[in-house]
Amino acid sequence: DDEGEGEDAFDEYQDFLPTANEVAMEGHKKFVSALALEHTGSRLLTGSHDYSVKIYDFNGMKRDMRPFREIVPNDGYPIHALSW
């Protein structure tokens, strides 16, 4: 019964998927085009075609999942790359 073996293997690895640690952080008005994660993993930069960069601090983040700072480097220019 080969079908049963494949299903058991799937069930075995299904427990390893990190579904409990996912979050949707909404805040940009247009799509996100750049991401940069700090080397410690505690802060995240997101850049978008709405001309803004948002800084998220995972250690101090509240349940509303809002960024603690927003920067608009040059109004009218979408963000294409970010780096720490």
C-alpha atoms as a PDB file:
ATOM      1  CA  ASP A   1       0.000   0.000   0.000  1.00  0.00           C
ATOM      2  CA  ASP A   2       2.272   2.794  -1.308  1.00  0.00           C
ATOM      3  CA  GLU A   3      -0.338   5.503  -0.829  1.00  0.00           C
ATOM      4  CA  GLY A   4      -0.413   4.998   2.942  1.00  0.00           C
ATOM      5  CA  GLU A   5       3.369   5.294   3.216  1.00  0.00           C
ATOM      6  CA  GLY A   6       3.466   8.638   1.390  1.00  0.00           C
ATOM      7  CA  GLU A   7       0.693  10.035   3.552  1.00  0.00           C
ATOM      8  CA  ASP A   8       2.467   8.936   6.754  1.00  0.00           C
ATOM      9  CA  ALA A   9       5.672  10.628   5.581  1.00  0.00           C
ATOM     10  CA  PHE A  10       3.755  13.850   4.907  1.00  0.00           C
ATOM     11  CA  ASP A  11       2.151  13.754   8.353  1.00  0.00           C
ATOM     12  CA  GLU A  12       5.571  13.201   9.922  1.00  0.00           C
ATOM     13  CA  TYR A  13       7.053  16.369   8.339  1.00  0.00           C
ATOM     14  CA  GLN A  14       3.925  18.478   8.644  1.00  0.00           C
ATOM     15  CA  ASP A  15       4.735  19.085  12.325  1.00  0.00           C
ATOM     16  CA  PHE A  16       8.002  20.828  11.342  1.00  0.00           C
ATOM     17  CA  LEU A  17       6.392  23.646   9.346  1.00  0.00           C
ATOM     18  CA  PRO A  18       6.635  26.962  11.282  1.00  0.00           C
ATOM     19  CA  THR A  19       3.003  27.992  10.951  1.00  0.00           C
ATOM     20  CA  ALA A  20       2.615  29.271  14.522  1.00  0.00           C
ATOM     21  CA  ASN A  21       5.224  32.031  14.100  1.00  0.00           C
ATOM     22  CA  GLU A  22       3.756  33.798  11.088  1.00  0.00           C
ATOM     23  CA  VAL A  23       2.388  37.307  11.103  1.00  0.00           C
ATOM     24  CA  ALA A  24       1.042  39.684   8.472  1.00  0.00           C
ATOM     25  CA  MET A  25       2.492  43.150   8.954  1.00  0.00           C
ATOM     26  CA  GLU A  26       0.370  45.605   7.057  1.00  0.00           C
ATOM     27  CA  GLY A  27       1.381  49.215   6.738  1.00  0.00           C
ATOM     28  CA  HIS A  28       2.496  50.046   3.233  1.00  0.00           C
ATOM     29  CA  LYS A  29       0.014  51.427   0.746  1.00  0.00           C
ATOM     30  CA  LYS A  30       1.704  49.742  -2.235  1.00  0.00           C
ATOM     31  CA  PHE A  31       3.661  46.518  -2.601  1.00  0.00           C
ATOM     32  CA  VAL A  32       6.869  45.890  -0.660  1.00  0.00           C
ATOM     33  CA  SER A  33       9.880  45.827  -2.987  1.00  0.00           C
ATOM     34  CA  ALA A  34      12.804  45.540  -0.524  1.00  0.00           C
ATOM     35  CA  LEU A  35      13.512  43.841   2.813  1.00  0.00           C
ATOM     36  CA  ALA A  36      16.536  43.896   5.109  1.00  0.00           C
ATOM     37  CA  LEU A  37      16.849  41.961   8.359  1.00  0.00           C
ATOM     38  CA  GLU A  38      19.342  43.128  10.971  1.00  0.00           C
ATOM     39  CA  HIS A  39      22.089  40.584  11.656  1.00  0.00           C
ATOM     40  CA  THR A  40      20.660  39.860  15.136  1.00  0.00           C
ATOM     41  CA  GLY A  41      17.184  39.274  13.690  1.00  0.00           C
ATOM     42  CA  SER A  42      15.554  41.824  15.984  1.00  0.00           C
ATOM     43  CA  ARG A  43      14.796  44.565  13.447  1.00  0.00           C
ATOM     44  CA  LEU A  44      13.382  44.551   9.944  1.00  0.00           C
ATOM     45  CA  LEU A  45      13.425  47.247   7.266  1.00  0.00           C
ATOM     46  CA  THR A  46      10.729  47.217   4.601  1.00  0.00           C
ATOM     47  CA  GLY A  47      10.782  49.451   1.548  1.00  0.00           C
ATOM     48  CA  SER A  48       7.886  49.954  -0.797  1.00  0.00           C
ATOM     49  CA  HIS A  49       6.680  51.613  -3.964  1.00  0.00           C
ATOM     50  CA  ASP A  50       4.750  54.005  -1.723  1.00  0.00           C
ATOM     51  CA  TYR A  51       8.133  55.801  -1.271  1.00  0.00           C
ATOM     52  CA  SER A  52       8.560  54.859   2.396  1.00  0.00           C
ATOM     53  CA  VAL A  53      10.855  52.744   4.566  1.00  0.00           C
ATOM     54  CA  LYS A  54       9.382  51.259   7.729  1.00  0.00           C
ATOM     55  CA  ILE A  55      11.440  49.964  10.640  1.00  0.00           C
ATOM     56  CA  TYR A  56      10.003  47.149  12.754  1.00  0.00           C
ATOM     57  CA  ASP A  57      11.512  46.213  16.123  1.00  0.00           C
ATOM     58  CA  PHE A  58      10.484  42.673  17.054  1.00  0.00           C
ATOM     59  CA  ASN A  59      11.665  42.996  20.668  1.00  0.00           C
ATOM     60  CA  GLY A  60       9.509  46.035  21.413  1.00  0.00           C
ATOM     61  CA  MET A  61       6.631  45.349  19.036  1.00  0.00           C
ATOM     62  CA  LYS A  62       3.091  45.487  20.366  1.00  0.00           C
ATOM     63  CA  ARG A  63       0.177  43.368  19.195  1.00  0.00           C
ATOM     64  CA  ASP A  64      -0.812  45.935  16.547  1.00  0.00           C
ATOM     65  CA  MET A  65       2.366  45.010  14.565  1.00  0.00           C
ATOM     66  CA  ARG A  66       3.077  48.621  13.614  1.00  0.00           C
ATOM     67  CA  PRO A  67       6.547  49.925  12.782  1.00  0.00           C
ATOM     68  CA  PHE A  68       8.212  52.115  15.373  1.00  0.00           C
ATOM     69  CA  ARG A  69       9.640  54.469  12.738  1.00  0.00           C
ATOM     70  CA  GLU A  70       8.842  55.474   9.153  1.00  0.00           C
ATOM     71  CA  ILE A  71      11.201  57.279   6.807  1.00  0.00           C
ATOM     72  CA  VAL A  72      10.510  58.844   3.404  1.00  0.00           C
ATOM     73  CA  PRO A  73      14.019  59.313   1.918  1.00  0.00           C
ATOM     74  CA  ASN A  74      13.053  61.094  -1.334  1.00  0.00           C
ATOM     75  CA  ASP A  75       9.417  61.738  -2.016  1.00  0.00           C
ATOM     76  CA  GLY A  76       8.433  60.305  -5.361  1.00  0.00           C
ATOM     77  CA  TYR A  77      11.078  57.578  -5.601  1.00  0.00           C
ATOM     78  CA  PRO A  78      10.163  53.949  -4.891  1.00  0.00           C
ATOM     79  CA  ILE A  79      12.513  51.922  -2.672  1.00  0.00           C
ATOM     80  CA  HIS A  80      14.419  49.220  -4.587  1.00  0.00           C
ATOM     81  CA  ALA A  81      17.109  48.098  -2.109  1.00  0.00           C
ATOM     82  CA  LEU A  82      17.803  48.276   1.639  1.00  0.00           C
ATOM     83  CA  SER A  83      20.779  47.388   3.808  1.00  0.00           C
ATOM     84  CA  TRP A  84      21.854  47.756   7.444  1.00  0.00           C
END
